[in-house]
Amino acid sequence: MGPARREHGSETLVCVPAMIRLGTHIRLTRPEAVRLFRLTDIEPVNIRTAADLDAYVARCKAHYWGRSRDTQFLHWLIDQERARLEAAA
């Protein structure tokens, strides 16, 4: 199941499902989970709260540690994805 497409005048809008939040509980959508996996090559499983998501991010950064520009860039990408998820919820 891909993103929904809607016509709006002469434009086509793409609606991508966002992370679902209910109180303190969250649920990643399939596209978000796939994007995180492609970025980190670590499966985002058992993420039920924002704290779980933060622990996943910390685990990914710990796995890819170092001071190289590539590592710094990967950490930045992970942070950007985390921020995007927070803004979407």
Protein backbone atom coordinates (compact mmCIF):
# COMPACT_ATOMS: atom_id res chain seq x y z
CA MET A 1 0.00 0.00 0.00
CA GLY A 2 1.61 3.22 -1.14
CA PRO A 3 0.88 6.85 -0.49
CA ALA A 4 -2.58 8.14 -1.39
CA ARG A 5 -2.73 10.60 -4.28
CA ARG A 6 -5.34 13.32 -4.51
CA GLU A 7 -6.01 15.80 -7.27
CA HIS A 8 -6.25 19.41 -6.15
CA GLY A 9 -6.81 21.68 -9.10
CA SER A 10 -3.86 21.23 -11.41
CA GLU A 11 -1.69 19.75 -8.63
CA THR A 12 -1.40 16.19 -7.39
CA LEU A 13 -1.00 15.95 -3.63
CA VAL A 14 0.71 12.90 -2.14
CA CYS A 15 -0.53 11.97 1.34
CA VAL A 16 1.97 9.81 3.21
CA PRO A 17 0.63 8.27 6.42
CA ALA A 18 2.28 9.68 9.53
CA MET A 19 3.31 8.00 12.75
CA ILE A 20 0.26 7.30 14.87
CA ARG A 21 0.23 8.76 18.39
CA LEU A 22 -2.28 8.06 21.14
CA GLY A 23 -1.26 9.66 24.41
CA THR A 24 2.22 8.38 25.19
CA HIS A 25 1.96 5.45 22.76
CA ILE A 26 3.18 5.63 19.17
CA ARG A 27 3.09 3.35 16.17
CA LEU A 28 5.33 3.68 13.15
CA THR A 29 3.66 3.27 9.79
CA ARG A 30 5.13 0.79 7.33
CA PRO A 31 6.80 3.49 5.18
CA GLU A 32 8.41 5.01 8.27
CA ALA A 33 9.70 1.65 9.48
CA VAL A 34 11.06 0.87 6.01
CA ARG A 35 12.75 4.29 5.80
CA LEU A 36 14.41 3.78 9.21
CA PHE A 37 15.57 0.29 8.22
CA ARG A 38 17.00 1.54 4.91
CA LEU A 39 18.81 4.32 6.72
CA THR A 40 20.26 2.23 9.56
CA ASP A 41 20.04 -1.41 8.44
CA ILE A 42 18.64 -2.08 11.93
CA GLU A 43 15.03 -3.25 12.19
CA PRO A 44 12.87 -0.81 14.22
CA VAL A 45 10.96 -3.33 16.34
CA ASN A 46 9.00 -2.95 19.59
CA ILE A 47 8.80 0.83 19.32
CA ARG A 48 5.73 1.72 21.37
CA THR A 49 6.70 5.04 22.99
CA ALA A 50 8.82 8.08 22.22
CA ALA A 51 11.34 6.70 24.74
CA ASP A 52 11.52 3.45 22.71
CA LEU A 53 12.16 5.51 19.57
CA ASP A 54 14.89 7.48 21.36
CA ALA A 55 16.46 4.20 22.54
CA TYR A 56 16.37 2.89 18.95
CA VAL A 57 18.09 6.06 17.73
CA ALA A 58 20.73 5.75 20.46
CA ARG A 59 21.27 2.07 19.59
CA CYS A 60 21.74 2.94 15.91
CA LYS A 61 24.19 5.73 16.69
CA ALA A 62 26.12 3.44 19.05
CA HIS A 63 26.30 0.79 16.33
CA TYR A 64 27.66 3.32 13.83
CA TRP A 65 30.12 5.14 16.05
CA GLY A 66 33.18 7.13 15.09
CA ARG A 67 34.40 10.58 14.15
CA SER A 68 34.50 10.30 10.38
CA ARG A 69 32.45 12.65 8.21
CA ASP A 70 30.43 9.68 6.98
CA THR A 71 29.53 8.70 10.54
CA GLN A 72 28.68 12.29 11.45
CA PHE A 73 26.50 12.53 8.35
CA LEU A 74 24.72 9.27 9.18
CA HIS A 75 24.06 10.48 12.73
CA TRP A 76 22.69 13.73 11.28
CA LEU A 77 20.41 11.76 8.93
CA ILE A 78 19.15 9.68 11.85
CA ASP A 79 18.49 12.86 13.85
CA GLN A 80 16.65 14.40 10.91
CA GLU A 81 14.44 11.34 10.53
CA ARG A 82 13.71 11.36 14.29
CA ALA A 83 12.75 15.03 14.10
CA ARG A 84 10.55 14.38 11.06
CA LEU A 85 8.74 11.61 12.92
CA GLU A 86 8.18 13.86 15.93
CA ALA A 87 6.82 16.66 13.74
CA ALA A 88 4.48 14.26 11.93
CA ALA A 89 2.87 12.92 15.11
